[in-house]
PDB file of N, CA and C in Angstrom:
ATOM      1  N   MET A   1     -21.437 100.474  38.963  1.00  0.00           N
ATOM      2  CA  MET A   1     -19.700 100.862  39.097  1.00  0.00           C
ATOM      3  C   MET A   1     -19.256 100.240  38.166  1.00  0.00           C
ATOM      4  N   LYS A   2     -17.943 100.737  37.213  1.00  0.00           N
ATOM      5  CA  LYS A   2     -17.097 100.306  36.140  1.00  0.00           C
ATOM      6  C   LYS A   2     -15.279  99.722  37.131  1.00  0.00           C
ATOM      7  N   ALA A   3     -15.133  99.309  37.423  1.00  0.00           N
ATOM      8  CA  ALA A   3     -13.359  98.898  36.907  1.00  0.00           C
ATOM      9  C   ALA A   3     -12.807  98.411  36.068  1.00  0.00           C
ATOM     10  N   LEU A   4     -11.641  99.262  35.964  1.00  0.00           N
ATOM     11  CA  LEU A   4     -10.359  99.387  34.735  1.00  0.00           C
ATOM     12  C   LEU A   4      -9.390  98.403  35.484  1.00  0.00           C
ATOM     13  N   VAL A   5      -9.250  97.092  35.232  1.00  0.00           N
ATOM     14  CA  VAL A   5      -8.073  96.408  36.144  1.00  0.00           C
ATOM     15  C   VAL A   5      -6.638  96.180  35.047  1.00  0.00           C
ATOM     16  N   ILE A   6      -5.743  97.098  35.798  1.00  0.00           N
ATOM     17  CA  ILE A   6      -4.280  96.756  34.927  1.00  0.00           C
ATOM     18  C   ILE A   6      -3.007  96.075  35.228  1.00  0.00           C
ATOM     19  N   ASP A   7      -3.220  94.939  34.743  1.00  0.00           N
ATOM     20  CA  ASP A   7      -2.120  94.448  35.420  1.00  0.00           C
ATOM     21  C   ASP A   7      -1.337  93.306  33.988  1.00  0.00           C
ATOM     22  N   ASP A   8      -0.148  93.378  34.436  1.00  0.00           N
ATOM     23  CA  ASP A   8       0.177  92.172  32.720  1.00  0.00           C
ATOM     24  C   ASP A   8       0.335  90.920  33.156  1.00  0.00           C
ATOM     25  N   SER A   9      -0.317  90.645  34.264  1.00  0.00           N
ATOM     26  CA  SER A   9      -0.044  88.720  35.115  1.00  0.00           C
ATOM     27  C   SER A   9      -2.095  88.484  34.574  1.00  0.00           C
ATOM     28  N   ARG A  10      -2.435  88.151  33.485  1.00  0.00           N
ATOM     29  CA  ARG A  10      -3.051  87.622  33.429  1.00  0.00           C
ATOM     30  C   ARG A  10      -4.118  86.615  34.244  1.00  0.00           C
ATOM     31  N   ALA A  11      -3.158  86.142  35.078  1.00  0.00           N
ATOM     32  CA  ALA A  11      -3.743  85.789  36.757  1.00  0.00           C
ATOM     33  C   ALA A  11      -4.202  86.533  37.585  1.00  0.00           C
ATOM     34  N   MET A  12      -3.515  87.509  37.952  1.00  0.00           N
ATOM     35  CA  MET A  12      -3.991  88.626  38.488  1.00  0.00           C
ATOM     36  C   MET A  12      -4.879  89.640  37.940  1.00  0.00           C
ATOM     37  N   ARG A  13      -4.852  89.988  37.098  1.00  0.00           N
ATOM     38  CA  ARG A  13      -6.393  90.495  36.234  1.00  0.00           C
ATOM     39  C   ARG A  13      -7.513  89.868  36.764  1.00  0.00           C
ATOM     40  N   LEU A  14      -6.785  88.318  36.187  1.00  0.00           N
ATOM     41  CA  LEU A  14      -8.911  87.873  37.039  1.00  0.00           C
ATOM     42  C   LEU A  14      -8.941  87.242  37.988  1.00  0.00           C
ATOM     43  N   VAL A  15      -7.635  87.031  38.981  1.00  0.00           N
ATOM     44  CA  VAL A  15      -8.086  87.400  41.075  1.00  0.00           C
ATOM     45  C   VAL A  15      -8.467  88.465  40.668  1.00  0.00           C
ATOM     46  N   ILE A  16      -8.288  89.880  40.804  1.00  0.00           N
ATOM     47  CA  ILE A  16      -8.308  91.389  41.790  1.00  0.00           C
ATOM     48  C   ILE A  16     -10.158  90.963  40.820  1.00  0.00           C
ATOM     49  N   GLY A  17     -10.031  91.077  39.383  1.00  0.00           N
ATOM     50  CA  GLY A  17     -11.290  91.270  38.682  1.00  0.00           C
ATOM     51  C   GLY A  17     -12.363  90.451  39.526  1.00  0.00           C
ATOM     52  N   ARG A  18     -12.339  88.782  39.584  1.00  0.00           N
ATOM     53  CA  ARG A  18     -13.279  88.690  40.418  1.00  0.00           C
ATOM     54  C   ARG A  18     -13.485  89.298  41.512  1.00  0.00           C
ATOM     55  N   ILE A  19     -13.021  89.532  42.100  1.00  0.00           N
ATOM     56  CA  ILE A  19     -12.899  90.538  43.830  1.00  0.00           C
ATOM     57  C   ILE A  19     -13.763  91.351  43.625  1.00  0.00           C
ATOM     58  N   VAL A  20     -13.361  92.327  42.527  1.00  0.00           N
ATOM     59  CA  VAL A  20     -14.166  93.417  42.341  1.00  0.00           C
ATOM     60  C   VAL A  20     -15.185  93.180  42.032  1.00  0.00           C
ATOM     61  N   ALA A  21     -15.758  92.375  41.144  1.00  0.00           N
ATOM     62  CA  ALA A  21     -16.817  91.861  40.289  1.00  0.00           C
ATOM     63  C   ALA A  21     -17.831  91.197  41.477  1.00  0.00           C
ATOM     64  N   ARG A  22     -17.176  90.828  42.507  1.00  0.00           N
ATOM     65  CA  ARG A  22     -18.245  90.043  43.294  1.00  0.00           C
ATOM     66  C   ARG A  22     -18.608  91.145  44.135  1.00  0.00           C
ATOM     67  N   LEU A  23     -17.841  92.613  44.725  1.00  0.00           N
ATOM     68  CA  LEU A  23     -18.597  93.629  44.916  1.00  0.00           C
ATOM     69  C   LEU A  23     -19.688  95.018  44.314  1.00  0.00           C
ATOM     70  N   GLY A  24     -19.642  93.880  42.669  1.00  0.00           N
ATOM     71  CA  GLY A  24     -20.861  94.780  42.344  1.00  0.00           C
ATOM     72  C   GLY A  24     -20.232  95.705  41.153  1.00  0.00           C
ATOM     73  N   PHE A  25     -18.863  95.793  41.307  1.00  0.00           N
ATOM     74  CA  PHE A  25     -17.980  96.170  39.888  1.00  0.00           C
ATOM     75  C   PHE A  25     -18.405  95.839  38.765  1.00  0.00           C
ATOM     76  N   ASP A  26     -18.618  96.420  37.312  1.00  0.00           N
ATOM     77  CA  ASP A  26     -18.299  95.505  36.183  1.00  0.00           C
ATOM     78  C   ASP A  26     -17.030  96.020  35.761  1.00  0.00           C
ATOM     79  N   VAL A  27     -15.917  95.165  35.244  1.00  0.00           N
ATOM     80  CA  VAL A  27     -14.816  94.350  34.851  1.00  0.00           C
ATOM     81  C   VAL A  27     -14.493  94.384  33.560  1.00  0.00           C
ATOM     82  N   ALA A  28     -13.186  95.594  33.124  1.00  0.00           N
ATOM     83  CA  ALA A  28     -12.914  95.752  32.018  1.00  0.00           C
ATOM     84  C   ALA A  28     -11.055  95.309  32.627  1.00  0.00           C
ATOM     85  N   GLU A  29     -10.459  94.843  31.643  1.00  0.00           N
ATOM     86  CA  GLU A  29      -8.879  94.646  31.864  1.00  0.00           C
ATOM     87  C   GLU A  29      -8.457  95.042  31.082  1.00  0.00           C
ATOM     88  N   ALA A  30      -6.678  95.375  31.302  1.00  0.00           N
ATOM     89  CA  ALA A  30      -5.285  95.856  30.519  1.00  0.00           C
ATOM     90  C   ALA A  30      -4.287  94.979  30.908  1.00  0.00           C
ATOM     91  N   ALA A  31      -3.728  94.947  30.174  1.00  0.00           N
ATOM     92  CA  ALA A  31      -2.276  94.204  30.465  1.00  0.00           C
ATOM     93  C   ALA A  31      -0.440  94.994  30.347  1.00  0.00           C
ATOM     94  N   HIS A  32      -1.386  96.267  29.760  1.00  0.00           N
ATOM     95  CA  HIS A  32      -0.731  97.502  30.579  1.00  0.00           C
ATOM     96  C   HIS A  32      -0.756  98.719  30.441  1.00  0.00           C
ATOM     97  N   GLY A  33      -0.404  99.706  30.752  1.00  0.00           N
ATOM     98  CA  GLY A  33      -0.772 101.093  30.719  1.00  0.00           C
ATOM     99  C   GLY A  33      -1.399 101.581  29.462  1.00  0.00           C
ATOM    100  N   GLN A  34      -0.349 101.281  28.506  1.00  0.00           N
ATOM    101  CA  GLN A  34      -0.876 101.787  27.135  1.00  0.00           C
ATOM    102  C   GLN A  34      -2.190 101.514  26.617  1.00  0.00           C
ATOM    103  N   GLU A  35      -2.254  99.922  26.562  1.00  0.00           N
ATOM    104  CA  GLU A  35      -3.460  99.420  26.582  1.00  0.00           C
ATOM    105  C   GLU A  35      -4.668 100.084  26.852  1.00  0.00           C
ATOM    106  N   ALA A  36      -3.795 100.525  28.579  1.00  0.00           N
ATOM    107  CA  ALA A  36      -5.437 101.076  29.214  1.00  0.00           C
ATOM    108  C   ALA A  36      -5.867 102.357  29.107  1.00  0.00           C
ATOM    109  N   LEU A  37      -4.961 103.224  28.602  1.00  0.00           N
ATOM    110  CA  LEU A  37      -4.878 104.511  27.867  1.00  0.00           C
ATOM    111  C   LEU A  37      -5.651 104.474  26.566  1.00  0.00           C
ATOM    112  N   ASP A  38      -5.451 103.496  25.883  1.00  0.00           N
ATOM    113  CA  ASP A  38      -6.093 103.044  24.619  1.00  0.00           C
ATOM    114  C   ASP A  38      -7.406 103.198  25.059  1.00  0.00           C
ATOM    115  N   GLN A  39      -7.886 102.501  25.962  1.00  0.00           N
ATOM    116  CA  GLN A  39      -9.284 101.893  26.339  1.00  0.00           C
ATOM    117  C   GLN A  39      -9.875 103.309  27.041  1.00  0.00           C
ATOM    118  N   LEU A  40      -9.276 103.887  27.360  1.00  0.00           N
ATOM    119  CA  LEU A  40      -9.968 104.866  28.095  1.00  0.00           C
ATOM    120  C   LEU A  40      -9.864 106.322  26.683  1.00  0.00           C
ATOM    121  N   ASP A  41      -8.948 106.670  25.914  1.00  0.00           N
ATOM    122  CA  ASP A  41      -8.981 107.163  24.794  1.00  0.00           C
ATOM    123  C   ASP A  41     -10.194 106.916  23.629  1.00  0.00           C
ATOM    124  N   ALA A  42     -10.751 105.276  24.254  1.00  0.00           N
ATOM    125  CA  ALA A  42     -11.703 104.288  22.957  1.00  0.00           C
ATOM    126  C   ALA A  42     -13.390 104.977  23.502  1.00  0.00           C
ATOM    127  N   GLY A  43     -13.324 106.088  25.164  1.00  0.00           N
ATOM    128  CA  GLY A  43     -14.304 105.692  25.646  1.00  0.00           C
ATOM    129  C   GLY A  43     -14.979 104.938  26.773  1.00  0.00           C
ATOM    130  N   ALA A  44     -13.566 104.613  27.219  1.00  0.00           N
ATOM    131  CA  ALA A  44     -13.919 103.972  28.781  1.00  0.00           C
ATOM    132  C   ALA A  44     -14.048 104.967  29.407  1.00  0.00           C
ATOM    133  N   VAL A  45     -14.974 104.488  30.652  1.00  0.00           N
ATOM    134  CA  VAL A  45     -15.421 105.425  31.343  1.00  0.00           C
ATOM    135  C   VAL A  45     -15.371 105.046  32.950  1.00  0.00           C
ATOM    136  N   PRO A  46     -13.902 104.163  33.826  1.00  0.00           N
ATOM    137  CA  PRO A  46     -14.079 103.800  35.178  1.00  0.00           C
ATOM    138  C   PRO A  46     -14.381 104.876  35.993  1.00  0.00           C
ATOM    139  N   ASP A  47     -15.017 104.612  37.262  1.00  0.00           N
ATOM    140  CA  ASP A  47     -15.276 104.856  38.335  1.00  0.00           C
ATOM    141  C   ASP A  47     -13.311 104.669  39.124  1.00  0.00           C
ATOM    142  N   LEU A  48     -12.998 103.376  38.705  1.00  0.00           N
ATOM    143  CA  LEU A  48     -11.690 102.709  39.799  1.00  0.00           C
ATOM    144  C   LEU A  48     -10.974 102.089  38.669  1.00  0.00           C
ATOM    145  N   CYS A  49      -9.565 102.166  39.056  1.00  0.00           N
ATOM    146  CA  CYS A  49      -8.512 101.936  38.023  1.00  0.00           C
ATOM    147  C   CYS A  49      -7.824 101.106  38.992  1.00  0.00           C
ATOM    148  N   LEU A  50      -7.153  99.804  39.499  1.00  0.00           N
ATOM    149  CA  LEU A  50      -6.402  99.252  40.391  1.00  0.00           C
ATOM    150  C   LEU A  50      -5.428  98.901  39.137  1.00  0.00           C
ATOM    151  N   ILE A  51      -4.102  99.741  39.265  1.00  0.00           N
ATOM    152  CA  ILE A  51      -3.017  99.156  38.594  1.00  0.00           C
ATOM    153  C   ILE A  51      -1.867  98.402  39.378  1.00  0.00           C
ATOM    154  N   ASP A  52      -0.951  97.195  38.685  1.00  0.00           N
ATOM    155  CA  ASP A  52       0.048  97.350  38.825  1.00  0.00           C
ATOM    156  C   ASP A  52       1.319  98.238  38.939  1.00  0.00           C
ATOM    157  N   TRP A  53       2.426  98.155  39.244  1.00  0.00           N
ATOM    158  CA  TRP A  53       3.329  98.867  38.864  1.00  0.00           C
ATOM    159  C   TRP A  53       4.331  98.228  38.021  1.00  0.00           C
ATOM    160  N   ASN A  54       5.185  97.277  38.397  1.00  0.00           N
ATOM    161  CA  ASN A  54       5.585  96.525  36.842  1.00  0.00           C
ATOM    162  C   ASN A  54       5.309  95.957  35.820  1.00  0.00           C
ATOM    163  N   MET A  55       5.248  97.138  34.441  1.00  0.00           N
ATOM    164  CA  MET A  55       4.668  96.146  33.228  1.00  0.00           C
ATOM    165  C   MET A  55       5.341  96.860  32.352  1.00  0.00           C
ATOM    166  N   PRO A  56       5.272  95.602  31.194  1.00  0.00           N
ATOM    167  CA  PRO A  56       5.888  96.448  29.780  1.00  0.00           C
ATOM    168  C   PRO A  56       5.342  97.388  28.998  1.00  0.00           C
ATOM    169  N   VAL A  57       5.448  98.567  28.594  1.00  0.00           N
ATOM    170  CA  VAL A  57       5.078  99.371  27.378  1.00  0.00           C
ATOM    171  C   VAL A  57       4.975 100.652  28.287  1.00  0.00           C
ATOM    172  N   MET A  58       4.260 100.797  28.655  1.00  0.00           N
ATOM    173  CA  MET A  58       4.056 101.221  30.052  1.00  0.00           C
ATOM    174  C   MET A  58       3.859 100.628  31.192  1.00  0.00           C
ATOM    175  N   ASN A  59       4.603 101.406  32.611  1.00  0.00           N
ATOM    176  CA  ASN A  59       4.130 100.939  33.824  1.00  0.00           C
ATOM    177  C   ASN A  59       3.418 101.757  34.459  1.00  0.00           C
ATOM    178  N   GLY A  60       3.179 101.238  35.722  1.00  0.00           N
ATOM    179  CA  GLY A  60       1.988 101.267  36.896  1.00  0.00           C
ATOM    180  C   GLY A  60       2.021 103.603  36.897  1.00  0.00           C
ATOM    181  N   LEU A  61       2.973 103.624  36.990  1.00  0.00           N
ATOM    182  CA  LEU A  61       3.378 104.961  37.398  1.00  0.00           C
ATOM    183  C   LEU A  61       3.226 105.568  36.298  1.00  0.00           C
ATOM    184  N   GLU A  62       3.488 105.167  35.283  1.00  0.00           N
ATOM    185  CA  GLU A  62       3.834 106.113  34.130  1.00  0.00           C
ATOM    186  C   GLU A  62       2.365 106.543  33.728  1.00  0.00           C
ATOM    187  N   PHE A  63       1.892 104.875  33.583  1.00  0.00           N
ATOM    188  CA  PHE A  63       0.307 105.055  33.221  1.00  0.00           C
ATOM    189  C   PHE A  63      -0.813 106.437  34.520  1.00  0.00           C
ATOM    190  N   VAL A  64      -0.682 106.544  35.642  1.00  0.00           N
ATOM    191  CA  VAL A  64      -1.030 107.632  36.141  1.00  0.00           C
ATOM    192  C   VAL A  64      -0.508 108.962  36.354  1.00  0.00           C
ATOM    193  N   GLN A  65       0.324 109.015  36.037  1.00  0.00           N
ATOM    194  CA  GLN A  65       1.083 110.345  35.479  1.00  0.00           C
ATOM    195  C   GLN A  65       0.271 110.525  34.766  1.00  0.00           C
ATOM    196  N   ALA A  66       0.256 109.894  33.285  1.00  0.00           N
ATOM    197  CA  ALA A  66       0.056 110.436  32.200  1.00  0.00           C
ATOM    198  C   ALA A  66      -1.482 110.294  32.476  1.00  0.00           C
ATOM    199  N   VAL A  67      -2.367 109.774  33.175  1.00  0.00           N
ATOM    200  CA  VAL A  67      -4.129 109.986  33.183  1.00  0.00           C
ATOM    201  C   VAL A  67      -4.119 111.013  34.317  1.00  0.00           C
ATOM    202  N   ARG A  68      -3.193 111.174  35.004  1.00  0.00           N
ATOM    203  CA  ARG A  68      -4.005 112.403  36.148  1.00  0.00           C
ATOM    204  C   ARG A  68      -3.355 113.792  35.145  1.00  0.00           C
ATOM    205  N   GLN A  69      -2.986 114.136  33.849  1.00  0.00           N
ATOM    206  CA  GLN A  69      -2.564 115.238  33.288  1.00  0.00           C
ATOM    207  C   GLN A  69      -3.853 115.777  32.981  1.00  0.00           C
ATOM    208  N   ARG A  70      -4.400 114.032  32.317  1.00  0.00           N
ATOM    209  CA  ARG A  70      -6.366 114.458  31.598  1.00  0.00           C
ATOM    210  C   ARG A  70      -7.290 115.489  32.111  1.00  0.00           C
ATOM    211  N   PRO A  71      -7.717 116.235  31.946  1.00  0.00           N
ATOM    212  CA  PRO A  71      -8.897 116.391  32.832  1.00  0.00           C
ATOM    213  C   PRO A  71      -9.558 115.252  33.090  1.00  0.00           C
ATOM    214  N   SER A  72     -10.381 114.112  31.845  1.00  0.00           N
ATOM    215  CA  SER A  72     -11.209 113.132  32.462  1.00  0.00           C
ATOM    216  C   SER A  72     -10.357 112.232  33.668  1.00  0.00           C
ATOM    217  N   GLY A  73      -9.227 111.899  33.825  1.00  0.00           N
ATOM    218  CA  GLY A  73      -8.415 111.543  34.871  1.00  0.00           C
ATOM    219  C   GLY A  73      -8.418 112.027  36.229  1.00  0.00           C
ATOM    220  N   ARG A  74      -9.108 112.848  36.293  1.00  0.00           N
ATOM    221  CA  ARG A  74      -9.317 113.400  37.946  1.00  0.00           C
ATOM    222  C   ARG A  74     -10.597 112.882  38.270  1.00  0.00           C
ATOM    223  N   TYR A  75     -11.072 112.215  37.705  1.00  0.00           N
ATOM    224  CA  TYR A  75     -12.776 111.896  37.694  1.00  0.00           C
ATOM    225  C   TYR A  75     -12.890 110.306  37.832  1.00  0.00           C
ATOM    226  N   PHE A  76     -11.978 109.582  38.299  1.00  0.00           N
ATOM    227  CA  PHE A  76     -11.635 108.034  38.510  1.00  0.00           C
ATOM    228  C   PHE A  76     -10.436 107.662  40.069  1.00  0.00           C
ATOM    229  N   MET A  77     -11.036 107.126  40.470  1.00  0.00           N
ATOM    230  CA  MET A  77      -9.746 106.689  41.916  1.00  0.00           C
ATOM    231  C   MET A  77      -9.104 105.789  41.125  1.00  0.00           C
ATOM    232  N   HIS A  78      -7.746 105.929  41.482  1.00  0.00           N
ATOM    233  CA  HIS A  78      -6.183 105.376  40.921  1.00  0.00           C
ATOM    234  C   HIS A  78      -6.059 104.466  42.091  1.00  0.00           C
ATOM    235  N   VAL A  79      -6.618 103.381  42.673  1.00  0.00           N
ATOM    236  CA  VAL A  79      -5.288 102.177  43.482  1.00  0.00           C
ATOM    237  C   VAL A  79      -4.460 101.676  43.065  1.00  0.00           C
ATOM    238  N   THR A  80      -3.076 101.426  43.049  1.00  0.00           N
ATOM    239  CA  THR A  80      -2.038 101.366  42.925  1.00  0.00           C
ATOM    240  C   THR A  80      -1.918  99.314  43.752  1.00  0.00           C
ATOM    241  N   ALA A  81      -1.660  98.202  43.279  1.00  0.00           N
ATOM    242  CA  ALA A  81      -1.765  97.647  43.628  1.00  0.00           C
ATOM    243  C   ALA A  81      -0.570  96.370  43.148  1.00  0.00           C
ATOM    244  N   THR A  82       0.028  96.425  44.148  1.00  0.00           N
ATOM    245  CA  THR A  82       1.773  95.806  43.423  1.00  0.00           C
ATOM    246  C   THR A  82       2.304  95.405  44.597  1.00  0.00           C
ATOM    247  N   THR A  83       3.868  94.712  43.862  1.00  0.00           N
ATOM    248  CA  THR A  83       4.640  93.661  45.202  1.00  0.00           C
ATOM    249  C   THR A  83       5.942  95.086  45.815  1.00  0.00           C
ATOM    250  N   GLU A  84       5.914  96.193  44.793  1.00  0.00           N
ATOM    251  CA  GLU A  84       6.874  97.103  45.371  1.00  0.00           C
ATOM    252  C   GLU A  84       5.875  97.158  46.624  1.00  0.00           C
ATOM    253  N   SER A  85       7.077  97.719  47.850  1.00  0.00           N
ATOM    254  CA  SER A  85       6.570  98.120  49.470  1.00  0.00           C
ATOM    255  C   SER A  85       7.190  98.695  49.890  1.00  0.00           C
ATOM    256  N   GLU A  86       8.205  99.175  49.327  1.00  0.00           N
ATOM    257  CA  GLU A  86       9.318 100.114  50.213  1.00  0.00           C
ATOM    258  C   GLU A  86       8.652 101.649  49.980  1.00  0.00           C
ATOM    259  N   ASN A  87       8.923 101.885  50.776  1.00  0.00           N
ATOM    260  CA  ASN A  87       8.239 103.509  51.306  1.00  0.00           C
ATOM    261  C   ASN A  87       8.287 104.285  50.645  1.00  0.00           C
ATOM    262  N   SER A  88       9.544 104.389  50.045  1.00  0.00           N
ATOM    263  CA  SER A  88       9.633 105.204  48.577  1.00  0.00           C
ATOM    264  C   SER A  88       9.025 105.470  47.596  1.00  0.00           C
ATOM    265  N   GLN A  89       8.755 103.671  47.277  1.00  0.00           N
ATOM    266  CA  GLN A  89       7.470 103.915  46.400  1.00  0.00           C
ATOM    267  C   GLN A  89       6.289 103.652  46.332  1.00  0.00           C
ATOM    268  N   ILE A  90       6.119 103.572  47.568  1.00  0.00           N
ATOM    269  CA  ILE A  90       4.197 104.232  47.633  1.00  0.00           C
ATOM    270  C   ILE A  90       4.182 105.442  47.701  1.00  0.00           C
ATOM    271  N   VAL A  91       4.938 106.145  48.459  1.00  0.00           N
ATOM    272  CA  VAL A  91       5.521 108.481  48.077  1.00  0.00           C
ATOM    273  C   VAL A  91       5.005 108.114  46.924  1.00  0.00           C
ATOM    274  N   ARG A  92       5.903 107.642  45.780  1.00  0.00           N
ATOM    275  CA  ARG A  92       6.102 108.168  44.133  1.00  0.00           C
ATOM    276  C   ARG A  92       4.712 107.782  43.928  1.00  0.00           C
ATOM    277  N   ALA A  93       4.030 106.820  44.595  1.00  0.00           N
ATOM    278  CA  ALA A  93       2.662 106.414  43.728  1.00  0.00           C
ATOM    279  C   ALA A  93       2.004 107.502  43.787  1.00  0.00           C
ATOM    280  N   LEU A  94       1.768 107.695  45.719  1.00  0.00           N
ATOM    281  CA  LEU A  94       0.379 108.301  45.714  1.00  0.00           C
ATOM    282  C   LEU A  94       1.203 110.132  45.036  1.00  0.00           C
ATOM    283  N   ALA A  95       2.451 110.525  44.730  1.00  0.00           N
ATOM    284  CA  ALA A  95       2.621 111.629  44.742  1.00  0.00           C
ATOM    285  C   ALA A  95       2.141 111.733  42.927  1.00  0.00           C
ATOM    286  N   ALA A  96       2.324 110.642  42.863  1.00  0.00           N
ATOM    287  CA  ALA A  96       1.733 110.895  41.320  1.00  0.00           C
ATOM    288  C   ALA A  96       0.087 111.319  40.869  1.00  0.00           C
ATOM    289  N   GLY A  97      -0.518 111.040  41.778  1.00  0.00           N
ATOM    290  CA  GLY A  97      -2.124 110.872  42.187  1.00  0.00           C
ATOM    291  C   GLY A  97      -2.883 109.638  42.266  1.00  0.00           C
ATOM    292  N   ALA A  98      -2.200 108.963  42.511  1.00  0.00           N
ATOM    293  CA  ALA A  98      -2.533 107.212  43.173  1.00  0.00           C
ATOM    294  C   ALA A  98      -3.445 107.812  44.107  1.00  0.00           C
ATOM    295  N   HIS A  99      -4.634 107.050  45.131  1.00  0.00           N
ATOM    296  CA  HIS A  99      -5.464 107.856  45.745  1.00  0.00           C
ATOM    297  C   HIS A  99      -5.026 106.555  46.928  1.00  0.00           C
ATOM    298  N   GLU A 100      -4.829 105.583  46.341  1.00  0.00           N
ATOM    299  CA  GLU A 100      -4.441 104.570  47.540  1.00  0.00           C
ATOM    300  C   GLU A 100      -3.595 103.275  47.381  1.00  0.00           C
ATOM    301  N   TYR A 101      -3.145 102.332  48.195  1.00  0.00           N
ATOM    302  CA  TYR A 101      -1.528 101.759  47.535  1.00  0.00           C
ATOM    303  C   TYR A 101      -2.140 100.270  48.236  1.00  0.00           C
ATOM    304  N   LEU A 102      -1.783  99.791  47.593  1.00  0.00           N
ATOM    305  CA  LEU A 102      -2.284  97.595  47.882  1.00  0.00           C
ATOM    306  C   LEU A 102      -0.616  96.828  47.795  1.00  0.00           C
ATOM    307  N   ILE A 103      -0.288  96.306  49.016  1.00  0.00           N
ATOM    308  CA  ILE A 103       0.897  95.497  48.553  1.00  0.00           C
ATOM    309  C   ILE A 103       0.129  94.159  48.298  1.00  0.00           C
ATOM    310  N   LYS A 104       0.835  93.310  47.000  1.00  0.00           N
ATOM    311  CA  LYS A 104       0.233  92.278  46.940  1.00  0.00           C
ATOM    312  C   LYS A 104       1.694  91.112  47.441  1.00  0.00           C
ATOM    313  N   PRO A 105       0.956  90.358  47.819  1.00  0.00           N
ATOM    314  CA  PRO A 105      -0.624  89.400  47.984  1.00  0.00           C
ATOM    315  C   PRO A 105      -1.378  90.771  49.145  1.00  0.00           C
ATOM    316  N   PHE A 106      -2.549  90.604  48.647  1.00  0.00           N
ATOM    317  CA  PHE A 106      -3.902  91.358  49.485  1.00  0.00           C
ATOM    318  C   PHE A 106      -4.925  90.595  49.639  1.00  0.00           C
ATOM    319  N   THR A 107      -5.529  90.396  49.984  1.00  0.00           N
ATOM    320  CA  THR A 107      -6.978  89.713  50.355  1.00  0.00           C
ATOM    321  C   THR A 107      -7.865  90.641  50.206  1.00  0.00           C
ATOM    322  N   ALA A 108      -8.857  89.766  49.801  1.00  0.00           N
ATOM    323  CA  ALA A 108     -10.069  90.635  49.191  1.00  0.00           C
ATOM    324  C   ALA A 108     -10.871  91.470  50.162  1.00  0.00           C
ATOM    325  N   ASP A 109     -10.526  91.219  51.676  1.00  0.00           N
ATOM    326  CA  ASP A 109     -11.096  92.349  52.346  1.00  0.00           C
ATOM    327  C   ASP A 109     -10.480  93.363  52.926  1.00  0.00           C
ATOM    328  N   ALA A 110      -8.718  93.244  52.355  1.00  0.00           N
ATOM    329  CA  ALA A 110      -8.474  95.012  52.530  1.00  0.00           C
ATOM    330  C   ALA A 110      -8.693  95.526  50.869  1.00  0.00           C
ATOM    331  N   LEU A 111      -8.978  94.900  49.756  1.00  0.00           N
ATOM    332  CA  LEU A 111      -9.133  95.936  48.740  1.00  0.00           C
ATOM    333  C   LEU A 111     -10.749  96.074  49.269  1.00  0.00           C
ATOM    334  N   GLU A 112     -11.494  95.568  49.468  1.00  0.00           N
ATOM    335  CA  GLU A 112     -12.537  95.972  50.200  1.00  0.00           C
ATOM    336  C   GLU A 112     -12.521  97.364  51.171  1.00  0.00           C
ATOM    337  N   ASP A 113     -11.495  97.647  52.004  1.00  0.00           N
ATOM    338  CA  ASP A 113     -11.581  98.394  53.303  1.00  0.00           C
ATOM    339  C   ASP A 113     -10.895  99.394  52.240  1.00  0.00           C
ATOM    340  N   LYS A 114     -10.554  98.875  51.495  1.00  0.00           N
ATOM    341  CA  LYS A 114     -10.224 100.219  51.124  1.00  0.00           C
ATOM    342  C   LYS A 114     -11.038 100.991  49.862  1.00  0.00           C
ATOM    343  N   LEU A 115     -11.419 100.583  49.427  1.00  0.00           N
ATOM    344  CA  LEU A 115     -12.939 100.669  48.343  1.00  0.00           C
ATOM    345  C   LEU A 115     -13.522 101.519  49.502  1.00  0.00           C
ATOM    346  N   SER A 116     -14.235 101.033  50.340  1.00  0.00           N
ATOM    347  CA  SER A 116     -14.921 101.639  50.971  1.00  0.00           C
ATOM    348  C   SER A 116     -14.220 102.723  51.731  1.00  0.00           C
ATOM    349  N   MET A 117     -13.575 103.101  52.309  1.00  0.00           N
ATOM    350  CA  MET A 117     -12.419 104.605  52.839  1.00  0.00           C
ATOM    351  C   MET A 117     -12.263 105.486  51.160  1.00  0.00           C
ATOM    352  N   LEU A 118     -12.641 105.151  50.292  1.00  0.00           N
ATOM    353  CA  LEU A 118     -12.598 105.946  49.444  1.00  0.00           C
ATOM    354  C   LEU A 118     -14.004 106.118  48.605  1.00  0.00           C
ATOM    355  N   GLY A 119     -14.499 105.491  49.148  1.00  0.00           N
ATOM    356  CA  GLY A 119     -16.744 105.208  48.768  1.00  0.00           C
ATOM    357  C   GLY A 119     -17.117 105.063  47.782  1.00  0.00           C
ATOM    358  N   LEU A 120     -16.347 103.602  47.686  1.00  0.00           N
ATOM    359  CA  LEU A 120     -16.345 103.161  46.099  1.00  0.00           C
ATOM    360  C   LEU A 120     -16.839 102.302  46.142  1.00  0.00           C
ATOM    361  N   MET A 121     -17.519 102.164  47.056  1.00  0.00           N
ATOM    362  CA  MET A 121     -18.837 100.663  47.262  1.00  0.00           C
ATOM    363  C   MET A 121     -19.967 100.461  46.498  1.00  0.00           C
ATOM    364  N   PRO A 122     -19.813  99.721  45.014  1.00  0.00           N
ATOM    365  CA  PRO A 122     -21.415  99.948  44.560  1.00  0.00           C
ATOM    366  C   PRO A 122     -22.810  99.279  45.108  1.00  0.00           C
ATOM    367  N   VAL A 123     -23.564  99.657  44.874  1.00  0.00           N
ATOM    368  CA  VAL A 123     -24.993  99.391  45.967  1.00  0.00           C
ATOM    369  C   VAL A 123     -24.886  98.299  45.042  1.00  0.00           C
ATOM    370  N   THR A 124     -25.062  96.680  45.918  1.00  0.00           N
ATOM    371  CA  THR A 124     -26.191  95.733  45.318  1.00  0.00           C
ATOM    372  C   THR A 124     -26.947  95.194  45.676  1.00  0.00           C
ATOM    373  N   ALA A 125     -27.487  94.405  45.043  1.00  0.00           N
ATOM    374  CA  ALA A 125     -29.357  94.020  45.354  1.00  0.00           C
ATOM    375  C   ALA A 125     -29.099  92.921  46.225  1.00  0.00           C
TER     376      ALA A 125
END
């Protein structure tokens, strides 16, 4: 399974990428939503996108909205992973098409639980 980690913080991409790699995902990264869209346009087909909310160029909410308008965007899971913790922000993300919402900082166990709830735990040897 493939995961695309979208976050403007290189450190967060590394941390989240390591967690999902340990869970068995092949990991790709993007520094903002437009870079992630460019990867999708170039043929990337993730099973999961882990998306920060506050990013330059294209934020996480704009990315989710743009992807959900595409037929191919309906075939992978979107999990917003952000410091935005207000209920109104969570509602906006879910209404835009995110499947789940994680509030930073989160533990590897919390991420694993969300992915398990979504049926996204790869089979590892």
